[in-house]
Amino acid sequence: MSDDKMLARIAALLRQAEGTDNAHEAEAFMAAAQRLATATAIDLAVARSHSAQRTKAQMPVQRTVTIGQAGTKGLRTYVQLFVMIGMANDVKCDVASNSTFVYAYGFAEDIDATHALYTSLVLQMVKASESYIASGAHRPTPTITARLNFQLAFGSRIGQRLTKAREEAKQEADRTDQPGTAIALRDKDIELKSFYRQASQARGTWRATSASAGYSSAARRAGDRAGQRARLGPNTELSGARGALEQ
């Protein structure tokens, strides 16, 4: 399946998710979207392994993904969400020191899937955290501390859900015993790691939290619950996501 076909099918799942108020159905659609992204990545990895000559489009790339404007509060939580989604889709990330952008390293289809999921889920994260703050349930914890903790927990839960769906897709590929799958995925991993070592100029280790941010167990629990309920966002967000990527 091509990258464009994958995104079109994710869009179809998206419309189904938006058409239901059932949390279990929304969960199923989101998991299906991730499994589709993983299955497509597996198919393309196998296809690349059988190509006698590789084109530029079949090699890993580096893209710059804008996260937000300098000075915006909470950008670290946005970055964490992108990084967690990327980890479930074979995308490595380097983060700007002020968290305003991310360098994403990976194959085109994986970065596209990551960005599509992020564009929808970041809006849900912000909306859910605003609802939590508006409810007053965070008091007496300071608003900024509660918001950061809520969004960090949301991102962590999303990462767990997508990783689970990814593993389910890999297990399905193993059951179908598609020839060359294991070797193709191993070679893909080696190629991506090699590309990252050559292309990355990152120094130090990025952390989503800082000592000054404070901690709120109640906000973390609320964010985790919101992450469990999250679904993919509207189709218009997905179709606009690719244009937001900068080379």
C-alpha atoms as a PDB file:
ATOM      1  CA  MET A   1       0.000   0.000   0.000  1.00  0.00           C
ATOM      2  CA  SER A   2       1.314   3.483  -0.849  1.00  0.00           C
ATOM      3  CA  ASP A   3       1.673   6.285   1.681  1.00  0.00           C
ATOM      4  CA  ASP A   4      -1.220   8.219   0.133  1.00  0.00           C
ATOM      5  CA  LYS A   5      -3.511   5.192   0.269  1.00  0.00           C
ATOM      6  CA  MET A   6      -2.586   4.628   3.900  1.00  0.00           C
ATOM      7  CA  LEU A   7      -3.506   8.203   4.842  1.00  0.00           C
ATOM      8  CA  ALA A   8      -6.760   7.934   2.883  1.00  0.00           C
ATOM      9  CA  ARG A   9      -7.713   4.794   4.792  1.00  0.00           C
ATOM     10  CA  ILE A  10      -6.754   6.402   8.101  1.00  0.00           C
ATOM     11  CA  ALA A  11      -9.068   9.260   7.116  1.00  0.00           C
ATOM     12  CA  ALA A  12     -11.887   6.752   6.646  1.00  0.00           C
ATOM     13  CA  LEU A  13     -11.275   5.339  10.135  1.00  0.00           C
ATOM     14  CA  LEU A  14     -11.211   8.911  11.346  1.00  0.00           C
ATOM     15  CA  ARG A  15     -14.711   9.610  10.049  1.00  0.00           C
ATOM     16  CA  GLN A  16     -15.967   6.484  11.782  1.00  0.00           C
ATOM     17  CA  ALA A  17     -14.371   7.528  15.050  1.00  0.00           C
ATOM     18  CA  GLU A  18     -15.966  10.945  14.878  1.00  0.00           C
ATOM     19  CA  GLY A  19     -19.341   9.348  14.212  1.00  0.00           C
ATOM     20  CA  THR A  20     -19.502   7.465  17.510  1.00  0.00           C
ATOM     21  CA  ASP A  21     -19.943   8.519  21.117  1.00  0.00           C
ATOM     22  CA  ASN A  22     -19.000   5.045  22.303  1.00  0.00           C
ATOM     23  CA  ALA A  23     -15.586   5.131  24.023  1.00  0.00           C
ATOM     24  CA  HIS A  24     -14.903   1.486  23.186  1.00  0.00           C
ATOM     25  CA  GLU A  25     -15.623   2.065  19.490  1.00  0.00           C
ATOM     26  CA  ALA A  26     -13.408   5.153  19.474  1.00  0.00           C
ATOM     27  CA  GLU A  27     -10.619   3.076  21.041  1.00  0.00           C
ATOM     28  CA  ALA A  28     -11.076   0.421  18.364  1.00  0.00           C
ATOM     29  CA  PHE A  29     -10.841   2.965  15.544  1.00  0.00           C
ATOM     30  CA  MET A  30      -7.703   4.537  16.974  1.00  0.00           C
ATOM     31  CA  ALA A  31      -6.042   1.163  17.425  1.00  0.00           C
ATOM     32  CA  ALA A  32      -7.053   0.246  13.885  1.00  0.00           C
ATOM     33  CA  ALA A  33      -5.426   3.411  12.559  1.00  0.00           C
ATOM     34  CA  GLN A  34      -2.132   2.552  14.266  1.00  0.00           C
ATOM     35  CA  ARG A  35      -2.262  -1.068  13.103  1.00  0.00           C
ATOM     36  CA  LEU A  36      -2.858   0.164   9.573  1.00  0.00           C
ATOM     37  CA  ALA A  37       0.141   2.484   9.775  1.00  0.00           C
ATOM     38  CA  THR A  38       2.300  -0.373  11.067  1.00  0.00           C
ATOM     39  CA  ALA A  39       1.049  -2.859   8.471  1.00  0.00           C
ATOM     40  CA  THR A  40       1.761  -0.370   5.688  1.00  0.00           C
ATOM     41  CA  ALA A  41       5.239   0.277   7.051  1.00  0.00           C
ATOM     42  CA  ILE A  42       5.888  -3.487   7.112  1.00  0.00           C
ATOM     43  CA  ASP A  43       4.662  -3.901   3.528  1.00  0.00           C
ATOM     44  CA  LEU A  44       6.863  -1.054   2.314  1.00  0.00           C
ATOM     45  CA  ALA A  45       9.877  -2.375   4.228  1.00  0.00           C
ATOM     46  CA  VAL A  46       9.473  -5.762   2.547  1.00  0.00           C
ATOM     47  CA  ALA A  47       9.063  -4.089  -0.841  1.00  0.00           C
ATOM     48  CA  ARG A  48      12.229  -2.042  -0.305  1.00  0.00           C
ATOM     49  CA  SER A  49      14.157  -5.169   0.632  1.00  0.00           C
ATOM     50  CA  HIS A  50      13.262  -6.670  -2.751  1.00  0.00           C
ATOM     51  CA  SER A  51      14.231  -3.608  -4.783  1.00  0.00           C
ATOM     52  CA  ALA A  52      17.347  -4.011  -6.864  1.00  0.00           C
ATOM     53  CA  GLN A  53      17.874  -0.253  -6.875  1.00  0.00           C
ATOM     54  CA  ARG A  54      16.703   2.166  -4.189  1.00  0.00           C
ATOM     55  CA  THR A  55      15.319   5.563  -5.125  1.00  0.00           C
ATOM     56  CA  LYS A  56      15.690   8.629  -2.907  1.00  0.00           C
ATOM     57  CA  ALA A  57      12.015   8.299  -1.940  1.00  0.00           C
ATOM     58  CA  GLN A  58      12.732   4.850  -0.487  1.00  0.00           C
ATOM     59  CA  MET A  59      15.404   6.062   1.933  1.00  0.00           C
ATOM     60  CA  PRO A  60      15.141   7.608   5.414  1.00  0.00           C
ATOM     61  CA  VAL A  61      14.640  11.365   5.568  1.00  0.00           C
ATOM     62  CA  GLN A  62      14.905  14.167   8.100  1.00  0.00           C
ATOM     63  CA  ARG A  63      12.031  16.615   8.497  1.00  0.00           C
ATOM     64  CA  THR A  64      11.492  19.610  10.717  1.00  0.00           C
ATOM     65  CA  VAL A  65       8.156  19.632  12.513  1.00  0.00           C
ATOM     66  CA  THR A  66       7.099  22.920  14.096  1.00  0.00           C
ATOM     67  CA  ILE A  67       5.592  22.420  17.564  1.00  0.00           C
ATOM     68  CA  GLY A  68       4.824  25.998  18.596  1.00  0.00           C
ATOM     69  CA  GLN A  69       6.024  29.548  19.108  1.00  0.00           C
ATOM     70  CA  ALA A  70       8.848  30.359  21.501  1.00  0.00           C
ATOM     71  CA  GLY A  71       7.554  31.332  24.923  1.00  0.00           C
ATOM     72  CA  THR A  72       4.380  29.240  24.657  1.00  0.00           C
ATOM     73  CA  LYS A  73       3.764  27.424  27.929  1.00  0.00           C
ATOM     74  CA  GLY A  74       3.571  23.662  27.861  1.00  0.00           C
ATOM     75  CA  LEU A  75       5.514  23.047  24.653  1.00  0.00           C
ATOM     76  CA  ARG A  76       7.434  20.247  26.360  1.00  0.00           C
ATOM     77  CA  THR A  77       4.199  18.290  26.731  1.00  0.00           C
ATOM     78  CA  TYR A  78       3.433  18.778  23.028  1.00  0.00           C
ATOM     79  CA  VAL A  79       6.897  17.524  22.156  1.00  0.00           C
ATOM     80  CA  GLN A  80       6.493  14.538  24.442  1.00  0.00           C
ATOM     81  CA  LEU A  81       3.239  13.602  22.680  1.00  0.00           C
ATOM     82  CA  PHE A  82       4.932  13.767  19.258  1.00  0.00           C
ATOM     83  CA  VAL A  83       7.919  11.765  20.494  1.00  0.00           C
ATOM     84  CA  MET A  84       5.689   9.071  22.017  1.00  0.00           C
ATOM     85  CA  ILE A  85       3.701   8.715  18.807  1.00  0.00           C
ATOM     86  CA  GLY A  86       6.942   8.644  16.840  1.00  0.00           C
ATOM     87  CA  MET A  87       8.340   5.835  18.994  1.00  0.00           C
ATOM     88  CA  ALA A  88       5.326   3.706  18.031  1.00  0.00           C
ATOM     89  CA  ASN A  89       6.021   4.398  14.355  1.00  0.00           C
ATOM     90  CA  ASP A  90       9.802   3.979  13.983  1.00  0.00           C
ATOM     91  CA  VAL A  91      10.506   7.704  14.053  1.00  0.00           C
ATOM     92  CA  LYS A  92      13.480   9.086  15.979  1.00  0.00           C
ATOM     93  CA  CYS A  93      13.408  12.672  17.215  1.00  0.00           C
ATOM     94  CA  ASP A  94      15.787  15.441  18.192  1.00  0.00           C
ATOM     95  CA  VAL A  95      14.229  18.347  20.081  1.00  0.00           C
ATOM     96  CA  ALA A  96      15.086  22.039  19.974  1.00  0.00           C
ATOM     97  CA  SER A  97      16.332  23.392  23.301  1.00  0.00           C
ATOM     98  CA  ASN A  98      13.218  25.580  23.609  1.00  0.00           C
ATOM     99  CA  SER A  99      10.889  22.787  22.401  1.00  0.00           C
ATOM    100  CA  THR A 100       9.593  24.887  19.476  1.00  0.00           C
ATOM    101  CA  PHE A 101      10.406  22.259  16.855  1.00  0.00           C
ATOM    102  CA  VAL A 102      11.447  18.659  16.411  1.00  0.00           C
ATOM    103  CA  TYR A 103      13.767  17.041  13.895  1.00  0.00           C
ATOM    104  CA  ALA A 104      12.048  13.818  12.870  1.00  0.00           C
ATOM    105  CA  TYR A 105      14.127  11.021  11.329  1.00  0.00           C
ATOM    106  CA  GLY A 106      12.508   8.073   9.589  1.00  0.00           C
ATOM    107  CA  PHE A 107      10.948   6.733   6.429  1.00  0.00           C
ATOM    108  CA  ALA A 108       8.404   9.050   4.795  1.00  0.00           C
ATOM    109  CA  GLU A 109       5.381   6.866   5.511  1.00  0.00           C
ATOM    110  CA  ASP A 110       6.274   6.627   9.197  1.00  0.00           C
ATOM    111  CA  ILE A 111       6.742  10.365   9.641  1.00  0.00           C
ATOM    112  CA  ASP A 112       3.483  11.042   7.790  1.00  0.00           C
ATOM    113  CA  ALA A 113       1.579   8.616  10.023  1.00  0.00           C
ATOM    114  CA  THR A 114       3.165  10.115  13.146  1.00  0.00           C
ATOM    115  CA  HIS A 115       2.283  13.652  12.143  1.00  0.00           C
ATOM    116  CA  ALA A 116      -1.272  12.728  11.189  1.00  0.00           C
ATOM    117  CA  LEU A 117      -1.874  11.119  14.570  1.00  0.00           C
ATOM    118  CA  TYR A 118      -0.186  13.990  16.403  1.00  0.00           C
ATOM    119  CA  THR A 119      -2.191  16.708  14.654  1.00  0.00           C
ATOM    120  CA  SER A 120      -5.412  15.148  15.877  1.00  0.00           C
ATOM    121  CA  LEU A 121      -4.311  14.033  19.330  1.00  0.00           C
ATOM    122  CA  VAL A 122      -2.624  17.290  20.357  1.00  0.00           C
ATOM    123  CA  LEU A 123      -5.909  19.127  19.893  1.00  0.00           C
ATOM    124  CA  GLN A 124      -7.669  16.536  22.010  1.00  0.00           C
ATOM    125  CA  MET A 125      -4.991  16.847  24.672  1.00  0.00           C
ATOM    126  CA  VAL A 126      -5.347  20.614  24.884  1.00  0.00           C
ATOM    127  CA  LYS A 127      -9.155  20.467  24.888  1.00  0.00           C
ATOM    128  CA  ALA A 128      -9.213  17.803  27.606  1.00  0.00           C
ATOM    129  CA  SER A 129      -6.741  19.677  29.797  1.00  0.00           C
ATOM    130  CA  GLU A 130      -8.704  22.923  29.439  1.00  0.00           C
ATOM    131  CA  SER A 131     -11.872  21.119  30.494  1.00  0.00           C
ATOM    132  CA  TYR A 132     -10.056  19.694  33.500  1.00  0.00           C
ATOM    133  CA  ILE A 133      -8.754  23.113  34.540  1.00  0.00           C
ATOM    134  CA  ALA A 134     -12.159  24.737  33.987  1.00  0.00           C
ATOM    135  CA  SER A 135     -13.787  22.161  36.265  1.00  0.00           C
ATOM    136  CA  GLY A 136     -11.677  23.368  39.170  1.00  0.00           C
ATOM    137  CA  ALA A 137     -10.802  19.782  40.119  1.00  0.00           C
ATOM    138  CA  HIS A 138      -7.094  20.668  40.153  1.00  0.00           C
ATOM    139  CA  ARG A 139      -7.337  23.123  43.077  1.00  0.00           C
ATOM    140  CA  PRO A 140      -5.378  23.963  45.171  1.00  0.00           C
ATOM    141  CA  THR A 141      -2.628  22.881  42.752  1.00  0.00           C
ATOM    142  CA  PRO A 142      -1.441  25.845  40.628  1.00  0.00           C
ATOM    143  CA  THR A 143      -3.018  25.874  37.169  1.00  0.00           C
ATOM    144  CA  ILE A 144       0.241  25.605  35.212  1.00  0.00           C
ATOM    145  CA  THR A 145       1.408  22.651  37.335  1.00  0.00           C
ATOM    146  CA  ALA A 146      -1.897  20.853  36.890  1.00  0.00           C
ATOM    147  CA  ARG A 147      -1.968  21.471  33.143  1.00  0.00           C
ATOM    148  CA  LEU A 148       1.577  20.221  32.597  1.00  0.00           C
ATOM    149  CA  ASN A 149       1.024  17.079  34.655  1.00  0.00           C
ATOM    150  CA  PHE A 150      -2.294  16.370  32.949  1.00  0.00           C
ATOM    151  CA  GLN A 151      -0.771  16.669  29.491  1.00  0.00           C
ATOM    152  CA  LEU A 152       2.314  14.623  30.351  1.00  0.00           C
ATOM    153  CA  ALA A 153       0.111  11.770  31.572  1.00  0.00           C
ATOM    154  CA  PHE A 154      -2.089  12.077  28.475  1.00  0.00           C
ATOM    155  CA  GLY A 155       0.937  11.722  26.198  1.00  0.00           C
ATOM    156  CA  SER A 156       2.294   8.750  28.112  1.00  0.00           C
ATOM    157  CA  ARG A 157      -1.029   6.913  27.901  1.00  0.00           C
ATOM    158  CA  ILE A 158      -1.322   7.601  24.169  1.00  0.00           C
ATOM    159  CA  GLY A 159       2.162   6.195  23.659  1.00  0.00           C
ATOM    160  CA  GLN A 160       1.202   3.007  25.486  1.00  0.00           C
ATOM    161  CA  ARG A 161      -1.976   2.577  23.453  1.00  0.00           C
ATOM    162  CA  LEU A 162      -0.247   3.098  20.109  1.00  0.00           C
ATOM    163  CA  THR A 163       2.636   0.803  21.028  1.00  0.00           C
ATOM    164  CA  LYS A 164       0.153  -1.929  21.940  1.00  0.00           C
ATOM    165  CA  ALA A 165      -1.611  -1.519  18.586  1.00  0.00           C
ATOM    166  CA  ARG A 166       1.754  -1.588  16.805  1.00  0.00           C
ATOM    167  CA  GLU A 167       2.702  -4.865  18.470  1.00  0.00           C
ATOM    168  CA  GLU A 168      -0.656  -6.362  17.507  1.00  0.00           C
ATOM    169  CA  ALA A 169       0.016  -5.473  13.885  1.00  0.00           C
ATOM    170  CA  LYS A 170       3.471  -7.034  14.028  1.00  0.00           C
ATOM    171  CA  GLN A 171       2.046 -10.200  15.555  1.00  0.00           C
ATOM    172  CA  GLU A 172      -0.507 -10.380  12.763  1.00  0.00           C
ATOM    173  CA  ALA A 173       2.286 -10.101  10.205  1.00  0.00           C
ATOM    174  CA  ASP A 174       4.102 -12.948  11.967  1.00  0.00           C
ATOM    175  CA  ARG A 175       0.966 -15.102  11.879  1.00  0.00           C
ATOM    176  CA  THR A 176       0.516 -14.593   8.153  1.00  0.00           C
ATOM    177  CA  ASP A 177       4.180 -15.546   7.742  1.00  0.00           C
ATOM    178  CA  GLN A 178       4.822 -12.994   5.012  1.00  0.00           C
ATOM    179  CA  PRO A 179       8.151 -14.015   3.425  1.00  0.00           C
ATOM    180  CA  GLY A 180      11.066 -11.819   4.402  1.00  0.00           C
ATOM    181  CA  THR A 181       9.189  -9.742   7.001  1.00  0.00           C
ATOM    182  CA  ALA A 182      11.576 -10.291   9.915  1.00  0.00           C
ATOM    183  CA  ILE A 183      14.656  -9.633   7.802  1.00  0.00           C
ATOM    184  CA  ALA A 184      13.104  -6.554   6.196  1.00  0.00           C
ATOM    185  CA  LEU A 185      12.205  -5.057   9.572  1.00  0.00           C
ATOM    186  CA  ARG A 186      15.659  -5.800  10.955  1.00  0.00           C
ATOM    187  CA  ASP A 187      17.299  -4.152   7.938  1.00  0.00           C
ATOM    188  CA  LYS A 188      14.929  -1.177   8.242  1.00  0.00           C
ATOM    189  CA  ASP A 189      15.902  -0.706  11.867  1.00  0.00           C
ATOM    190  CA  ILE A 190      19.615  -0.917  11.052  1.00  0.00           C
ATOM    191  CA  GLU A 191      19.247   1.553   8.182  1.00  0.00           C
ATOM    192  CA  LEU A 192      17.312   4.046  10.287  1.00  0.00           C
ATOM    193  CA  LYS A 193      19.812   3.878  13.162  1.00  0.00           C
ATOM    194  CA  SER A 194      22.694   4.370  10.724  1.00  0.00           C
ATOM    195  CA  PHE A 195      20.949   7.338   9.088  1.00  0.00           C
ATOM    196  CA  TYR A 196      20.219   8.888  12.477  1.00  0.00           C
ATOM    197  CA  ARG A 197      23.836   8.577  13.612  1.00  0.00           C
ATOM    198  CA  GLN A 198      25.013  10.303  10.443  1.00  0.00           C
ATOM    199  CA  ALA A 199      22.352  13.028  10.299  1.00  0.00           C
ATOM    200  CA  SER A 200      21.771  13.915  13.954  1.00  0.00           C
ATOM    201  CA  GLN A 201      23.779  16.672  15.578  1.00  0.00           C
ATOM    202  CA  ALA A 202      21.956  16.459  18.909  1.00  0.00           C
ATOM    203  CA  ARG A 203      23.881  17.132  22.089  1.00  0.00           C
ATOM    204  CA  GLY A 204      22.687  16.122  25.524  1.00  0.00           C
ATOM    205  CA  THR A 205      19.425  14.474  26.562  1.00  0.00           C
ATOM    206  CA  TRP A 206      15.987  16.072  26.246  1.00  0.00           C
ATOM    207  CA  ARG A 207      13.583  15.680  29.155  1.00  0.00           C
ATOM    208  CA  ALA A 208       9.845  16.299  29.114  1.00  0.00           C
ATOM    209  CA  THR A 209       9.804  17.498  32.728  1.00  0.00           C
ATOM    210  CA  SER A 210      11.878  19.871  34.811  1.00  0.00           C
ATOM    211  CA  ALA A 211      12.321  20.181  38.551  1.00  0.00           C
ATOM    212  CA  SER A 212      10.555  23.555  38.577  1.00  0.00           C
ATOM    213  CA  ALA A 213       7.406  22.174  36.925  1.00  0.00           C
ATOM    214  CA  GLY A 214       6.032  20.621  40.114  1.00  0.00           C
ATOM    215  CA  TYR A 215       4.037  17.421  40.463  1.00  0.00           C
ATOM    216  CA  SER A 216       0.327  16.679  40.809  1.00  0.00           C
ATOM    217  CA  SER A 217      -0.853  13.088  41.182  1.00  0.00           C
ATOM    218  CA  ALA A 218      -4.501  14.120  40.693  1.00  0.00           C
ATOM    219  CA  ALA A 219      -3.708  15.869  37.406  1.00  0.00           C
ATOM    220  CA  ARG A 220      -1.663  12.877  36.283  1.00  0.00           C
ATOM    221  CA  ARG A 221      -4.591  10.532  36.949  1.00  0.00           C
ATOM    222  CA  ALA A 222      -6.974  12.831  35.110  1.00  0.00           C
ATOM    223  CA  GLY A 223      -4.611  13.108  32.137  1.00  0.00           C
ATOM    224  CA  ASP A 224      -4.174   9.352  32.036  1.00  0.00           C
ATOM    225  CA  ARG A 225      -7.957   8.854  31.944  1.00  0.00           C
ATOM    226  CA  ALA A 226      -8.259  11.396  29.135  1.00  0.00           C
ATOM    227  CA  GLY A 227      -5.517   9.601  27.216  1.00  0.00           C
ATOM    228  CA  GLN A 228      -7.445   6.352  27.526  1.00  0.00           C
ATOM    229  CA  ARG A 229     -10.568   7.997  26.101  1.00  0.00           C
ATOM    230  CA  ALA A 230      -8.839   9.876  23.271  1.00  0.00           C
ATOM    231  CA  ARG A 231      -9.860   9.238  19.688  1.00  0.00           C
ATOM    232  CA  LEU A 232      -8.571  10.446  16.367  1.00  0.00           C
ATOM    233  CA  GLY A 233      -9.652  13.955  15.428  1.00  0.00           C
ATOM    234  CA  PRO A 234     -11.642  15.267  12.454  1.00  0.00           C
ATOM    235  CA  ASN A 235     -10.706  14.462   8.890  1.00  0.00           C
ATOM    236  CA  THR A 236      -9.917  18.081   8.038  1.00  0.00           C
ATOM    237  CA  GLU A 237      -7.088  18.029  10.562  1.00  0.00           C
ATOM    238  CA  LEU A 238      -5.566  14.937   9.015  1.00  0.00           C
ATOM    239  CA  SER A 239      -5.616  16.276   5.484  1.00  0.00           C
ATOM    240  CA  GLY A 240      -3.953  19.477   6.656  1.00  0.00           C
ATOM    241  CA  ALA A 241      -1.296  17.721   8.648  1.00  0.00           C
ATOM    242  CA  ARG A 242       0.984  16.866   5.748  1.00  0.00           C
ATOM    243  CA  GLY A 243       1.179  20.450   4.605  1.00  0.00           C
ATOM    244  CA  ALA A 244       2.459  21.464   8.030  1.00  0.00           C
ATOM    245  CA  LEU A 245       5.574  19.364   7.630  1.00  0.00           C
ATOM    246  CA  GLU A 246       8.652  21.309   6.624  1.00  0.00           C
ATOM    247  CA  GLN A 247      11.607  19.776   4.816  1.00  0.00           C
END
